[in-house]
Amino acid sequence: MANIQPLRLVDLDDLSDWRFVPILTIEQAALLWAGINPAFYNFRDSHLFHPTQASRAFIARQAFLGGIMVKTLTVHELHFFNWRGETYRADASVENFTFEDVDIQRTTVMAQVLIAWAKRQDCTSLREDLRKQEQAEKERQSRKEFDDFVEAQSKQVLQIEYRPLEPKYTTPEFTVACEIVAEIWNKQEAGVKPPKALEIQELIGQKLEKLTGGKPKPAAIARIDSLTRPLLFKNQQKSAE
C-alpha cells in the first residue's frame, strides 16, 4: 500500500458514453461512481482496482442500497435472492429485506433519479472529488507563486549609486557653487542665522580668484551667491547686515 501512487483525475477512464444509458444496475452505478467502467469490470474484479476506487465503489454500493432500504431512493426494478440463491422480482413497498437480499446485478435504477438522489444526499462521485481537489491544489499553487513573487519583490532594495556630477569641461563658477553649498548651506542648521551675505560673497570671490587666476567680476560672484542661496535666506537685506 505504501508504494501505491495517489489517484489523479487523468487516471480515470473516459466514461462519457455511459450518459446514453437511462437505466443502470446497482452494480454498474456503484462502479461508475468510482470511475470504473462496468463494461470491463464487476465487483469480483475489485482486487484489480486502485484502492481509492475500490473503497469508493463499495461505499457507493452501500449508500445506494441504504437509500433503497429507507425508501429515499426509488428503484426501477427490485430483485431479491431467495433461499436457493435464485433471484426474483420483488416489491420494496411490501417486503422487508437486508443488504444481502438485494441482487445488485439485476436491481435497476433510472440514471436521472439516482443523480438527483445523490445530489440531495451529497453523495459525490470520485471524479467530482478529484476534480475539486485538483482545482483547489491549482489555486493553492497559484496563491503560493503569487506570494513568493510578492515576497521576492519586497526583498529587492533599490540601490542608487551616488556619484557627484563631474563636468566634462572646466567650469569655475559651477565648482565654486558646489563648494559653497557643501561648506556653508549643507551645514546650516534650521533656526540658526546664516553667515552674512558679504562674508559669503568674499569667500566666493576668493575661490573664484584661486581657480581663474584673476580677480572675479561682481556679476559672477552675485550669480553664484544667488544660485546657491536657499529660498529661506534670499529675503535678507544688505542694509540689515
C-alpha atoms as a PDB file:
ATOM      1  CA  MET A   1       0.000   0.000   0.000  1.00  0.00           C
ATOM      2  CA  ALA A   2       2.886   2.375   0.754  1.00  0.00           C
ATOM      3  CA  ASN A   3       4.075   2.230  -2.894  1.00  0.00           C
ATOM      4  CA  ILE A   4       0.661   2.977  -4.418  1.00  0.00           C
ATOM      5  CA  GLN A   5       0.563   6.372  -6.104  1.00  0.00           C
ATOM      6  CA  PRO A   6      -2.298   8.753  -5.307  1.00  0.00           C
ATOM      7  CA  LEU A   7      -5.083   8.646  -7.858  1.00  0.00           C
ATOM      8  CA  ARG A   8      -5.378  11.569 -10.291  1.00  0.00           C
ATOM      9  CA  LEU A   9      -8.252  12.709 -12.456  1.00  0.00           C
ATOM     10  CA  VAL A  10      -6.292  11.793 -15.576  1.00  0.00           C
ATOM     11  CA  ASP A  11      -6.010   8.197 -14.344  1.00  0.00           C
ATOM     12  CA  LEU A  12      -9.777   7.624 -14.618  1.00  0.00           C
ATOM     13  CA  ASP A  13     -11.285   6.055 -17.738  1.00  0.00           C
ATOM     14  CA  ASP A  14     -13.460   8.087 -20.097  1.00  0.00           C
ATOM     15  CA  LEU A  15     -16.982   7.122 -19.060  1.00  0.00           C
ATOM     16  CA  SER A  16     -18.800   9.770 -21.092  1.00  0.00           C
ATOM     17  CA  ASP A  17     -20.562   7.177 -23.280  1.00  0.00           C
ATOM     18  CA  TRP A  18     -22.484   5.973 -20.218  1.00  0.00           C
ATOM     19  CA  ARG A  19     -24.548   9.173 -20.337  1.00  0.00           C
ATOM     20  CA  PHE A  20     -26.594   7.496 -23.064  1.00  0.00           C
ATOM     21  CA  VAL A  21     -27.717   4.737 -20.655  1.00  0.00           C
ATOM     22  CA  PRO A  22     -31.038   5.682 -18.955  1.00  0.00           C
ATOM     23  CA  ILE A  23     -31.215   2.715 -16.563  1.00  0.00           C
ATOM     24  CA  LEU A  24     -28.351   1.220 -14.534  1.00  0.00           C
ATOM     25  CA  THR A  25     -27.970  -1.739 -12.250  1.00  0.00           C
ATOM     26  CA  ILE A  26     -26.827  -1.014  -8.712  1.00  0.00           C
ATOM     27  CA  GLU A  27     -23.502  -2.657  -9.526  1.00  0.00           C
ATOM     28  CA  GLN A  28     -22.991  -0.548 -12.635  1.00  0.00           C
ATOM     29  CA  ALA A  29     -23.915   2.641 -10.816  1.00  0.00           C
ATOM     30  CA  ALA A  30     -21.532   1.944  -7.919  1.00  0.00           C
ATOM     31  CA  LEU A  31     -18.654   1.199 -10.303  1.00  0.00           C
ATOM     32  CA  LEU A  32     -19.332   4.325 -12.339  1.00  0.00           C
ATOM     33  CA  TRP A  33     -19.361   6.335  -9.097  1.00  0.00           C
ATOM     34  CA  ALA A  34     -15.811   5.112  -8.517  1.00  0.00           C
ATOM     35  CA  GLY A  35     -14.619   5.923 -12.033  1.00  0.00           C
ATOM     36  CA  ILE A  36     -14.605   2.258 -13.118  1.00  0.00           C
ATOM     37  CA  ASN A  37     -16.031   1.152 -16.461  1.00  0.00           C
ATOM     38  CA  PRO A  38     -18.717  -1.527 -15.901  1.00  0.00           C
ATOM     39  CA  ALA A  39     -18.239  -2.648 -19.492  1.00  0.00           C
ATOM     40  CA  PHE A  40     -14.997  -4.311 -18.437  1.00  0.00           C
ATOM     41  CA  TYR A  41     -15.234  -4.897 -14.674  1.00  0.00           C
ATOM     42  CA  ASN A  42     -17.597  -6.004 -11.901  1.00  0.00           C
ATOM     43  CA  PHE A  43     -17.243  -6.311  -8.136  1.00  0.00           C
ATOM     44  CA  ARG A  44     -15.497  -9.664  -8.466  1.00  0.00           C
ATOM     45  CA  ASP A  45     -12.592  -7.748 -10.025  1.00  0.00           C
ATOM     46  CA  SER A  46     -12.164  -5.442  -7.044  1.00  0.00           C
ATOM     47  CA  HIS A  47      -8.617  -6.746  -6.472  1.00  0.00           C
ATOM     48  CA  LEU A  48      -7.706  -5.073  -9.791  1.00  0.00           C
ATOM     49  CA  PHE A  49      -8.965  -1.645  -8.747  1.00  0.00           C
ATOM     50  CA  HIS A  50      -6.915   1.177  -7.315  1.00  0.00           C
ATOM     51  CA  PRO A  51      -7.585   1.149  -3.534  1.00  0.00           C
ATOM     52  CA  THR A  52      -9.237   4.563  -3.732  1.00  0.00           C
ATOM     53  CA  GLN A  53     -11.590   3.346  -6.466  1.00  0.00           C
ATOM     54  CA  ALA A  54     -12.339   0.083  -4.669  1.00  0.00           C
ATOM     55  CA  SER A  55     -13.218   1.985  -1.495  1.00  0.00           C
ATOM     56  CA  ARG A  56     -15.466   4.439  -3.325  1.00  0.00           C
ATOM     57  CA  ALA A  57     -17.243   1.638  -5.236  1.00  0.00           C
ATOM     58  CA  PHE A  58     -18.049  -0.289  -2.031  1.00  0.00           C
ATOM     59  CA  ILE A  59     -19.203   2.875  -0.268  1.00  0.00           C
ATOM     60  CA  ALA A  60     -21.388   3.894  -3.234  1.00  0.00           C
ATOM     61  CA  ARG A  61     -22.982   0.438  -3.358  1.00  0.00           C
ATOM     62  CA  GLN A  62     -23.729   0.597   0.352  1.00  0.00           C
ATOM     63  CA  ALA A  63     -25.147   4.119   0.012  1.00  0.00           C
ATOM     64  CA  PHE A  64     -27.444   3.143  -2.867  1.00  0.00           C
ATOM     65  CA  LEU A  65     -28.677   0.045  -1.065  1.00  0.00           C
ATOM     66  CA  GLY A  66     -29.249   2.085   2.075  1.00  0.00           C
ATOM     67  CA  GLY A  67     -31.304   4.592   0.079  1.00  0.00           C
ATOM     68  CA  ILE A  68     -33.431   1.751  -1.277  1.00  0.00           C
ATOM     69  CA  MET A  69     -33.945   0.259   2.177  1.00  0.00           C
ATOM     70  CA  VAL A  70     -35.041   3.513   3.792  1.00  0.00           C
ATOM     71  CA  LYS A  71     -37.071   4.314   0.671  1.00  0.00           C
ATOM     72  CA  THR A  72     -35.368   7.593  -0.232  1.00  0.00           C
ATOM     73  CA  LEU A  73     -34.045   6.130  -3.482  1.00  0.00           C
ATOM     74  CA  THR A  74     -36.724   4.835  -5.869  1.00  0.00           C
ATOM     75  CA  VAL A  75     -35.759   1.737  -7.828  1.00  0.00           C
ATOM     76  CA  HIS A  76     -36.894   0.876 -11.324  1.00  0.00           C
ATOM     77  CA  GLU A  77     -36.870  -2.886 -10.691  1.00  0.00           C
ATOM     78  CA  LEU A  78     -36.005  -4.603  -7.424  1.00  0.00           C
ATOM     79  CA  HIS A  79     -34.671  -8.152  -7.410  1.00  0.00           C
ATOM     80  CA  PHE A  80     -34.046 -10.351  -4.336  1.00  0.00           C
ATOM     81  CA  PHE A  81     -32.247 -13.625  -3.785  1.00  0.00           C
ATOM     82  CA  ASN A  82     -34.377 -16.490  -2.444  1.00  0.00           C
ATOM     83  CA  TRP A  83     -33.166 -19.238  -0.090  1.00  0.00           C
ATOM     84  CA  ARG A  84     -31.877 -21.271  -3.076  1.00  0.00           C
ATOM     85  CA  GLY A  85     -29.769 -18.348  -4.347  1.00  0.00           C
ATOM     86  CA  GLU A  86     -32.134 -17.683  -7.209  1.00  0.00           C
ATOM     87  CA  THR A  87     -33.434 -14.179  -7.892  1.00  0.00           C
ATOM     88  CA  TYR A  88     -36.934 -12.916  -8.281  1.00  0.00           C
ATOM     89  CA  ARG A  89     -38.575  -9.568  -8.800  1.00  0.00           C
ATOM     90  CA  ALA A  90     -39.713  -8.057  -5.519  1.00  0.00           C
ATOM     91  CA  ASP A  91     -41.812  -5.160  -4.270  1.00  0.00           C
ATOM     92  CA  ALA A  92     -39.914  -2.822  -1.939  1.00  0.00           C
ATOM     93  CA  SER A  93     -43.143  -1.358  -0.585  1.00  0.00           C
ATOM     94  CA  VAL A  94     -44.352  -4.634   0.938  1.00  0.00           C
ATOM     95  CA  GLU A  95     -41.237  -6.687   1.670  1.00  0.00           C
ATOM     96  CA  ASN A  96     -38.679  -6.325   4.426  1.00  0.00           C
ATOM     97  CA  PHE A  97     -35.121  -7.003   3.336  1.00  0.00           C
ATOM     98  CA  THR A  98     -31.418  -6.556   4.139  1.00  0.00           C
ATOM     99  CA  PHE A  99     -28.439  -5.607   2.015  1.00  0.00           C
ATOM    100  CA  GLU A 100     -27.668  -9.259   1.333  1.00  0.00           C
ATOM    101  CA  ASP A 101     -31.153  -9.864  -0.079  1.00  0.00           C
ATOM    102  CA  VAL A 102     -30.686  -7.449  -3.000  1.00  0.00           C
ATOM    103  CA  ASP A 103     -29.290  -8.710  -6.291  1.00  0.00           C
ATOM    104  CA  ILE A 104     -27.188  -5.711  -7.323  1.00  0.00           C
ATOM    105  CA  GLN A 105     -26.641  -7.148 -10.810  1.00  0.00           C
ATOM    106  CA  ARG A 106     -30.361  -7.150 -11.617  1.00  0.00           C
ATOM    107  CA  THR A 107     -31.828  -4.420  -9.431  1.00  0.00           C
ATOM    108  CA  THR A 108     -32.013  -1.254 -11.519  1.00  0.00           C
ATOM    109  CA  VAL A 109     -32.451   2.476 -11.032  1.00  0.00           C
ATOM    110  CA  MET A 110     -33.058   5.258 -13.517  1.00  0.00           C
ATOM    111  CA  ALA A 111     -29.871   7.272 -14.027  1.00  0.00           C
ATOM    112  CA  GLN A 112     -31.563  10.659 -13.600  1.00  0.00           C
ATOM    113  CA  VAL A 113     -33.333   9.510 -10.439  1.00  0.00           C
ATOM    114  CA  LEU A 114     -30.022   8.293  -8.989  1.00  0.00           C
ATOM    115  CA  ILE A 115     -28.207  11.509  -9.876  1.00  0.00           C
ATOM    116  CA  ALA A 116     -30.922  13.635  -8.260  1.00  0.00           C
ATOM    117  CA  TRP A 117     -30.887  11.433  -5.127  1.00  0.00           C
ATOM    118  CA  ALA A 118     -27.081  11.639  -4.908  1.00  0.00           C
ATOM    119  CA  LYS A 119     -27.190  15.439  -5.060  1.00  0.00           C
ATOM    120  CA  ARG A 120     -29.717  15.572  -2.214  1.00  0.00           C
ATOM    121  CA  GLN A 121     -27.581  13.199  -0.146  1.00  0.00           C
ATOM    122  CA  ASP A 122     -24.315  14.953  -1.108  1.00  0.00           C
ATOM    123  CA  CYS A 123     -23.075  11.599  -2.346  1.00  0.00           C
ATOM    124  CA  THR A 124     -20.376  12.800  -4.752  1.00  0.00           C
ATOM    125  CA  SER A 125     -18.577  10.642  -7.279  1.00  0.00           C
ATOM    126  CA  LEU A 126     -14.843  10.027  -7.170  1.00  0.00           C
ATOM    127  CA  ARG A 127     -14.432  12.020 -10.374  1.00  0.00           C
ATOM    128  CA  GLU A 128     -16.119  15.045  -8.789  1.00  0.00           C
ATOM    129  CA  ASP A 129     -13.945  14.823  -5.680  1.00  0.00           C
ATOM    130  CA  LEU A 130     -10.711  14.518  -7.672  1.00  0.00           C
ATOM    131  CA  ARG A 131     -11.707  17.469  -9.859  1.00  0.00           C
ATOM    132  CA  LYS A 132     -12.345  19.621  -6.778  1.00  0.00           C
ATOM    133  CA  GLN A 133      -9.093  18.513  -5.137  1.00  0.00           C
ATOM    134  CA  GLU A 134      -7.014  19.257  -8.217  1.00  0.00           C
ATOM    135  CA  GLN A 135      -8.695  22.634  -8.705  1.00  0.00           C
ATOM    136  CA  ALA A 136      -8.035  23.506  -5.054  1.00  0.00           C
ATOM    137  CA  GLU A 137      -4.397  22.448  -5.476  1.00  0.00           C
ATOM    138  CA  LYS A 138      -4.033  24.630  -8.578  1.00  0.00           C
ATOM    139  CA  GLU A 139      -5.477  27.601  -6.704  1.00  0.00           C
ATOM    140  CA  ARG A 140      -3.202  26.922  -3.743  1.00  0.00           C
ATOM    141  CA  GLN A 141      -0.171  26.727  -6.027  1.00  0.00           C
ATOM    142  CA  SER A 142      -1.171  29.933  -7.797  1.00  0.00           C
ATOM    143  CA  ARG A 143      -1.520  31.726  -4.456  1.00  0.00           C
ATOM    144  CA  LYS A 144       1.875  30.390  -3.361  1.00  0.00           C
ATOM    145  CA  GLU A 145       3.550  31.543  -6.579  1.00  0.00           C
ATOM    146  CA  PHE A 146       1.975  34.985  -6.182  1.00  0.00           C
ATOM    147  CA  ASP A 147       3.004  35.213  -2.513  1.00  0.00           C
ATOM    148  CA  ASP A 148       6.563  34.096  -3.408  1.00  0.00           C
ATOM    149  CA  PHE A 149       6.691  36.746  -6.137  1.00  0.00           C
ATOM    150  CA  VAL A 150       5.487  39.485  -3.784  1.00  0.00           C
ATOM    151  CA  GLU A 151       7.985  38.388  -1.119  1.00  0.00           C
ATOM    152  CA  ALA A 152      10.839  38.359  -3.619  1.00  0.00           C
ATOM    153  CA  GLN A 153       9.880  41.815  -4.844  1.00  0.00           C
ATOM    154  CA  SER A 154       9.704  43.155  -1.295  1.00  0.00           C
ATOM    155  CA  LYS A 155      13.250  41.941  -0.611  1.00  0.00           C
ATOM    156  CA  GLN A 156      14.673  43.807  -3.547  1.00  0.00           C
ATOM    157  CA  VAL A 157      16.216  47.032  -2.249  1.00  0.00           C
ATOM    158  CA  LEU A 158      16.613  49.800  -4.746  1.00  0.00           C
ATOM    159  CA  GLN A 159      20.301  50.559  -4.896  1.00  0.00           C
ATOM    160  CA  ILE A 160      21.135  54.090  -6.041  1.00  0.00           C
ATOM    161  CA  GLU A 161      24.795  54.826  -6.537  1.00  0.00           C
ATOM    162  CA  TYR A 162      25.720  58.368  -5.609  1.00  0.00           C
ATOM    163  CA  ARG A 163      28.218  59.843  -7.968  1.00  0.00           C
ATOM    164  CA  PRO A 164      28.945  63.563  -7.867  1.00  0.00           C
ATOM    165  CA  LEU A 165      28.443  65.303 -11.183  1.00  0.00           C
ATOM    166  CA  GLU A 166      31.779  65.787 -12.892  1.00  0.00           C
ATOM    167  CA  PRO A 167      31.701  68.416 -15.662  1.00  0.00           C
ATOM    168  CA  LYS A 168      33.483  67.470 -18.838  1.00  0.00           C
ATOM    169  CA  TYR A 169      34.985  70.950 -19.151  1.00  0.00           C
ATOM    170  CA  THR A 170      36.479  73.342 -16.602  1.00  0.00           C
ATOM    171  CA  THR A 171      33.639  75.366 -15.056  1.00  0.00           C
ATOM    172  CA  PRO A 172      34.951  77.548 -12.222  1.00  0.00           C
ATOM    173  CA  GLU A 173      31.573  79.026 -11.291  1.00  0.00           C
ATOM    174  CA  PHE A 174      29.970  75.556 -11.025  1.00  0.00           C
ATOM    175  CA  THR A 175      32.914  74.276  -8.982  1.00  0.00           C
ATOM    176  CA  VAL A 176      32.752  77.193  -6.577  1.00  0.00           C
ATOM    177  CA  ALA A 177      28.955  76.861  -6.289  1.00  0.00           C
ATOM    178  CA  CYS A 178      29.298  73.199  -5.258  1.00  0.00           C
ATOM    179  CA  GLU A 179      31.932  74.109  -2.665  1.00  0.00           C
ATOM    180  CA  ILE A 180      29.761  76.903  -1.206  1.00  0.00           C
ATOM    181  CA  VAL A 181      26.790  74.534  -0.889  1.00  0.00           C
ATOM    182  CA  ALA A 182      28.970  71.896   0.800  1.00  0.00           C
ATOM    183  CA  GLU A 183      30.805  74.230   3.135  1.00  0.00           C
ATOM    184  CA  ILE A 184      28.020  76.627   4.094  1.00  0.00           C
ATOM    185  CA  TRP A 185      24.450  75.758   3.179  1.00  0.00           C
ATOM    186  CA  ASN A 186      24.563  71.988   3.778  1.00  0.00           C
ATOM    187  CA  LYS A 187      25.877  72.711   7.274  1.00  0.00           C
ATOM    188  CA  GLN A 188      23.324  75.414   8.026  1.00  0.00           C
ATOM    189  CA  GLU A 189      21.144  74.396  10.973  1.00  0.00           C
ATOM    190  CA  ALA A 190      17.427  75.198  10.961  1.00  0.00           C
ATOM    191  CA  GLY A 191      16.592  78.251  13.035  1.00  0.00           C
ATOM    192  CA  VAL A 192      20.213  79.461  13.127  1.00  0.00           C
ATOM    193  CA  LYS A 193      21.179  82.731  11.442  1.00  0.00           C
ATOM    194  CA  PRO A 194      23.438  82.045   8.435  1.00  0.00           C
ATOM    195  CA  PRO A 195      26.661  83.971   7.659  1.00  0.00           C
ATOM    196  CA  LYS A 196      26.193  87.465   6.273  1.00  0.00           C
ATOM    197  CA  ALA A 197      25.896  87.840   2.522  1.00  0.00           C
ATOM    198  CA  LEU A 198      29.106  89.901   2.341  1.00  0.00           C
ATOM    199  CA  GLU A 199      31.038  87.137   4.091  1.00  0.00           C
ATOM    200  CA  ILE A 200      29.742  84.522   1.692  1.00  0.00           C
ATOM    201  CA  GLN A 201      30.449  86.716  -1.328  1.00  0.00           C
ATOM    202  CA  GLU A 202      34.006  87.337  -0.130  1.00  0.00           C
ATOM    203  CA  LEU A 203      34.532  83.577   0.154  1.00  0.00           C
ATOM    204  CA  ILE A 204      33.077  83.089  -3.337  1.00  0.00           C
ATOM    205  CA  GLY A 205      35.414  85.743  -4.696  1.00  0.00           C
ATOM    206  CA  GLN A 206      38.450  84.115  -3.078  1.00  0.00           C
ATOM    207  CA  LYS A 207      37.593  80.713  -4.505  1.00  0.00           C
ATOM    208  CA  LEU A 208      36.943  82.084  -7.992  1.00  0.00           C
ATOM    209  CA  GLU A 209      40.209  84.014  -7.965  1.00  0.00           C
ATOM    210  CA  LYS A 210      42.105  80.908  -6.922  1.00  0.00           C
ATOM    211  CA  LEU A 211      40.604  78.860  -9.788  1.00  0.00           C
ATOM    212  CA  THR A 212      40.810  81.502 -12.537  1.00  0.00           C
ATOM    213  CA  GLY A 213      43.966  83.284 -11.506  1.00  0.00           C
ATOM    214  CA  GLY A 214      42.299  86.665 -11.842  1.00  0.00           C
ATOM    215  CA  LYS A 215      40.011  88.943  -9.890  1.00  0.00           C
ATOM    216  CA  PRO A 216      36.410  87.810 -10.486  1.00  0.00           C
ATOM    217  CA  LYS A 217      33.705  90.174 -11.683  1.00  0.00           C
ATOM    218  CA  PRO A 218      30.992  91.152  -9.171  1.00  0.00           C
ATOM    219  CA  ALA A 219      28.324  89.752 -11.516  1.00  0.00           C
ATOM    220  CA  ALA A 220      29.910  86.265 -11.373  1.00  0.00           C
ATOM    221  CA  ILE A 221      30.031  86.413  -7.573  1.00  0.00           C
ATOM    222  CA  ALA A 222      26.405  87.540  -7.435  1.00  0.00           C
ATOM    223  CA  ARG A 223      25.351  84.697  -9.758  1.00  0.00           C
ATOM    224  CA  ILE A 224      26.944  82.048  -7.560  1.00  0.00           C
ATOM    225  CA  ASP A 225      25.530  83.619  -4.402  1.00  0.00           C
ATOM    226  CA  SER A 226      22.018  83.715  -5.871  1.00  0.00           C
ATOM    227  CA  LEU A 227      22.265  80.170  -7.269  1.00  0.00           C
ATOM    228  CA  THR A 228      23.436  78.569  -4.059  1.00  0.00           C
ATOM    229  CA  ARG A 229      21.455  80.558  -1.501  1.00  0.00           C
ATOM    230  CA  PRO A 230      18.345  78.622  -0.240  1.00  0.00           C
ATOM    231  CA  LEU A 231      14.981  80.344  -0.725  1.00  0.00           C
ATOM    232  CA  LEU A 232      14.634  80.645   3.035  1.00  0.00           C
ATOM    233  CA  PHE A 233      17.543  83.091   3.152  1.00  0.00           C
ATOM    234  CA  LYS A 234      17.036  85.025  -0.072  1.00  0.00           C
ATOM    235  CA  ASN A 235      14.930  87.752   1.564  1.00  0.00           C
ATOM    236  CA  GLN A 236      17.894  89.102   3.571  1.00  0.00           C
ATOM    237  CA  GLN A 237      18.547  92.784   3.015  1.00  0.00           C
ATOM    238  CA  LYS A 238      22.078  94.069   2.743  1.00  0.00           C
ATOM    239  CA  SER A 239      21.113  97.026   4.894  1.00  0.00           C
ATOM    240  CA  ALA A 240      20.411  94.655   7.786  1.00  0.00           C
ATOM    241  CA  GLU A 241      23.824  93.062   7.600  1.00  0.00           C
END
